[in-house]
């Protein structure tokens, strides 16, 4: 089913439903839109962070400690 067909089917269902049920569908659509926007924002932040060279200087730093330096008490 295409996106347009889904939209048309949903519009037809909304026209038949009582107002109370149509409000519930509208609220659910708002909820889904908010989740989608949050996910998109989170993915954008992750992409920016992964492509950032903010901490690039740490890759050139030598290791100061190794597992041999760990002592048990």
N, C-alpha and C. Protein backbone atom coordinates (compact mmCIF):
# COMPACT_ATOMS: atom_id res chain seq x y z
N UNK A 1 0.85 -1.17 0.00
CA UNK A 1 0.00 0.00 0.00
C UNK A 1 0.91 1.24 0.00
N UNK A 2 0.59 2.18 -0.85
CA UNK A 2 1.39 3.39 -0.96
C UNK A 2 1.05 4.36 0.17
N UNK A 3 1.92 5.32 0.34
CA UNK A 3 1.70 6.35 1.38
C UNK A 3 0.40 7.10 1.12
N UNK A 4 0.14 7.46 -0.12
CA UNK A 4 -1.10 8.18 -0.47
C UNK A 4 -2.33 7.33 -0.15
N UNK A 5 -2.26 6.04 -0.44
CA UNK A 5 -3.39 5.15 -0.16
C UNK A 5 -3.64 5.06 1.34
N UNK A 6 -2.58 5.00 2.11
CA UNK A 6 -2.71 4.94 3.56
C UNK A 6 -3.35 6.22 4.09
N UNK A 7 -2.91 7.35 3.57
CA UNK A 7 -3.48 8.64 3.99
C UNK A 7 -4.96 8.71 3.65
N UNK A 8 -5.31 8.30 2.44
CA UNK A 8 -6.72 8.34 2.02
C UNK A 8 -7.58 7.40 2.87
N UNK A 9 -7.06 6.22 3.16
CA UNK A 9 -7.79 5.26 3.98
C UNK A 9 -8.01 5.81 5.39
N UNK A 10 -7.01 6.46 5.92
CA UNK A 10 -7.10 7.05 7.26
C UNK A 10 -8.11 8.20 7.27
N UNK A 11 -8.09 9.03 6.25
CA UNK A 11 -9.05 10.14 6.15
C UNK A 11 -10.48 9.60 6.07
N UNK A 12 -10.67 8.56 5.28
CA UNK A 12 -12.02 7.97 5.18
C UNK A 12 -12.48 7.41 6.53
N UNK A 13 -11.58 6.77 7.24
CA UNK A 13 -11.92 6.22 8.56
C UNK A 13 -12.26 7.35 9.53
N UNK A 14 -11.50 8.44 9.49
CA UNK A 14 -11.76 9.57 10.37
C UNK A 14 -13.11 10.22 10.09
N UNK A 15 -13.52 10.24 8.84
CA UNK A 15 -14.81 10.82 8.48
C UNK A 15 -15.98 10.01 9.02
N UNK A 16 -15.77 8.71 9.19
CA UNK A 16 -16.83 7.83 9.67
C UNK A 16 -16.88 7.78 11.20
N UNK A 17 -15.74 7.91 11.83
CA UNK A 17 -15.66 7.78 13.28
C UNK A 17 -16.35 8.94 14.00
N UNK A 18 -16.89 8.67 15.18
CA UNK A 18 -17.43 9.77 15.99
C UNK A 18 -16.29 10.71 16.42
N UNK A 19 -16.65 11.92 16.79
CA UNK A 19 -15.64 12.94 17.11
C UNK A 19 -14.68 12.48 18.21
N UNK A 20 -15.20 11.80 19.22
CA UNK A 20 -14.37 11.33 20.33
C UNK A 20 -13.27 10.40 19.84
N UNK A 21 -13.63 9.49 18.94
CA UNK A 21 -12.65 8.54 18.41
C UNK A 21 -11.67 9.25 17.46
N UNK A 22 -12.16 10.21 16.71
CA UNK A 22 -11.29 10.97 15.80
C UNK A 22 -10.24 11.74 16.59
N UNK A 23 -10.64 12.27 17.75
CA UNK A 23 -9.69 12.98 18.62
C UNK A 23 -8.61 12.01 19.10
N UNK A 24 -9.00 10.79 19.45
CA UNK A 24 -8.03 9.80 19.89
C UNK A 24 -7.02 9.47 18.78
N UNK A 25 -7.52 9.35 17.56
CA UNK A 25 -6.63 9.08 16.42
C UNK A 25 -5.67 10.26 16.22
N UNK A 26 -6.18 11.46 16.35
CA UNK A 26 -5.36 12.66 16.20
C UNK A 26 -4.28 12.71 17.28
N UNK A 27 -4.65 12.40 18.51
CA UNK A 27 -3.68 12.40 19.61
C UNK A 27 -2.63 11.32 19.40
N UNK A 28 -3.04 10.16 18.90
CA UNK A 28 -2.08 9.10 18.62
C UNK A 28 -1.12 9.52 17.51
N UNK A 29 -1.65 10.18 16.49
CA UNK A 29 -0.79 10.66 15.40
C UNK A 29 0.22 11.68 15.93
N UNK A 30 -0.22 12.57 16.83
CA UNK A 30 0.70 13.53 17.44
C UNK A 30 1.79 12.81 18.24
N UNK A 31 1.39 11.76 18.98
CA UNK A 31 2.34 10.98 19.76
C UNK A 31 3.37 10.32 18.85
N UNK A 32 2.92 9.71 17.78
CA UNK A 32 3.83 9.05 16.84
C UNK A 32 4.77 10.06 16.18
N UNK A 33 4.25 11.22 15.85
CA UNK A 33 5.08 12.27 15.24
C UNK A 33 6.15 12.72 16.22
N UNK A 34 5.81 12.89 17.49
CA UNK A 34 6.78 13.29 18.49
C UNK A 34 7.87 12.24 18.65
N UNK A 35 7.48 10.95 18.67
CA UNK A 35 8.47 9.88 18.77
C UNK A 35 9.41 9.90 17.57
N UNK A 36 8.86 10.12 16.39
CA UNK A 36 9.67 10.16 15.17
C UNK A 36 10.64 11.34 15.21
N UNK A 37 10.16 12.50 15.65
CA UNK A 37 11.02 13.68 15.74
C UNK A 37 12.13 13.45 16.76
N UNK A 38 11.80 12.84 17.89
CA UNK A 38 12.82 12.55 18.91
C UNK A 38 13.87 11.60 18.37
N UNK A 39 13.44 10.56 17.65
CA UNK A 39 14.38 9.60 17.07
C UNK A 39 15.28 10.26 16.04
N UNK A 40 14.69 11.10 15.20
CA UNK A 40 15.46 11.80 14.18
C UNK A 40 16.50 12.72 14.83
N UNK A 41 16.09 13.42 15.88
CA UNK A 41 17.01 14.31 16.59
C UNK A 41 18.14 13.51 17.22
N UNK A 42 17.80 12.40 17.86
CA UNK A 42 18.81 11.56 18.50
C UNK A 42 19.81 11.02 17.47
N UNK A 43 19.32 10.58 16.34
CA UNK A 43 20.22 10.07 15.29
C UNK A 43 21.11 11.18 14.75
N UNK A 44 20.56 12.38 14.62
CA UNK A 44 21.36 13.51 14.16
C UNK A 44 22.47 13.86 15.13
N UNK A 45 22.15 13.83 16.42
CA UNK A 45 23.16 14.11 17.44
C UNK A 45 24.24 13.04 17.42
N UNK A 46 23.84 11.77 17.28
CA UNK A 46 24.81 10.68 17.22
C UNK A 46 25.73 10.83 16.01
N UNK A 47 25.17 11.23 14.88
CA UNK A 47 25.97 11.42 13.68
C UNK A 47 26.97 12.56 13.88
N UNK A 48 26.49 13.67 14.43
CA UNK A 48 27.40 14.79 14.70
C UNK A 48 28.53 14.39 15.63
N UNK A 49 28.18 13.65 16.67
CA UNK A 49 29.18 13.23 17.65
C UNK A 49 30.20 12.28 17.03
N UNK A 50 29.72 11.34 16.23
CA UNK A 50 30.64 10.34 15.66
C UNK A 50 31.55 10.95 14.60
N UNK A 51 31.10 11.99 13.94
CA UNK A 51 31.91 12.63 12.90
C UNK A 51 32.75 13.79 13.45
N UNK A 52 32.52 14.12 14.70
CA UNK A 52 33.23 15.23 15.31
C UNK A 52 34.68 14.85 15.61
N UNK A 53 35.54 15.82 15.55
CA UNK A 53 36.94 15.60 15.88
C UNK A 53 37.31 16.30 17.18
N UNK A 54 36.32 16.52 18.02
CA UNK A 54 36.54 17.22 19.28
C UNK A 54 37.58 16.54 20.15
N UNK A 55 37.50 15.22 20.25
CA UNK A 55 38.42 14.48 21.09
C UNK A 55 39.49 13.74 20.27
N UNK A 56 39.71 14.20 19.07
CA UNK A 56 40.68 13.58 18.19
C UNK A 56 42.09 13.59 18.79
N UNK A 57 42.38 14.61 19.58
CA UNK A 57 43.71 14.71 20.18
C UNK A 57 44.01 13.53 21.11
N UNK A 58 43.00 12.86 21.60
CA UNK A 58 43.23 11.73 22.51
C UNK A 58 43.79 10.50 21.79
N UNK A 59 43.60 10.40 20.50
CA UNK A 59 44.11 9.24 19.76
C UNK A 59 45.63 9.28 19.66
N UNK A 60 46.22 10.46 19.75
CA UNK A 60 47.67 10.60 19.66
C UNK A 60 48.36 10.44 21.01
N UNK A 61 47.58 10.37 22.08
CA UNK A 61 48.15 10.30 23.42
C UNK A 61 48.61 8.88 23.74
N UNK A 62 49.79 8.78 24.35
CA UNK A 62 50.32 7.47 24.68
C UNK A 62 49.58 6.88 25.89
N UNK A 63 49.58 5.57 25.99
CA UNK A 63 48.96 4.90 27.12
C UNK A 63 49.86 5.03 28.33
N UNK A 64 49.32 5.58 29.42
CA UNK A 64 50.11 5.78 30.62
C UNK A 64 50.12 4.54 31.51
N UNK A 65 49.07 3.76 31.43
CA UNK A 65 48.96 2.58 32.29
C UNK A 65 48.58 1.37 31.45
N UNK A 66 48.94 0.20 31.97
CA UNK A 66 48.54 -1.05 31.32
C UNK A 66 47.90 -1.94 32.37
N UNK A 67 47.47 -3.11 31.96
CA UNK A 67 46.85 -4.04 32.92
C UNK A 67 47.87 -4.55 33.93
N UNK A 68 49.16 -4.45 33.62
CA UNK A 68 50.22 -4.88 34.55
C UNK A 68 50.33 -3.94 35.75
N UNK A 69 49.81 -2.72 35.61
CA UNK A 69 49.86 -1.74 36.69
C UNK A 69 48.77 -1.96 37.74
N UNK A 70 47.80 -2.82 37.47
CA UNK A 70 46.69 -3.05 38.39
C UNK A 70 47.16 -3.93 39.54
N UNK A 71 46.87 -3.48 40.76
CA UNK A 71 47.24 -4.25 41.94
C UNK A 71 45.99 -4.59 42.72
N UNK A 72 45.94 -5.79 43.25
CA UNK A 72 44.82 -6.21 44.09
C UNK A 72 45.12 -5.89 45.53
N UNK A 73 44.07 -5.55 46.28
CA UNK A 73 44.22 -5.32 47.72
C UNK A 73 43.75 -6.53 48.46
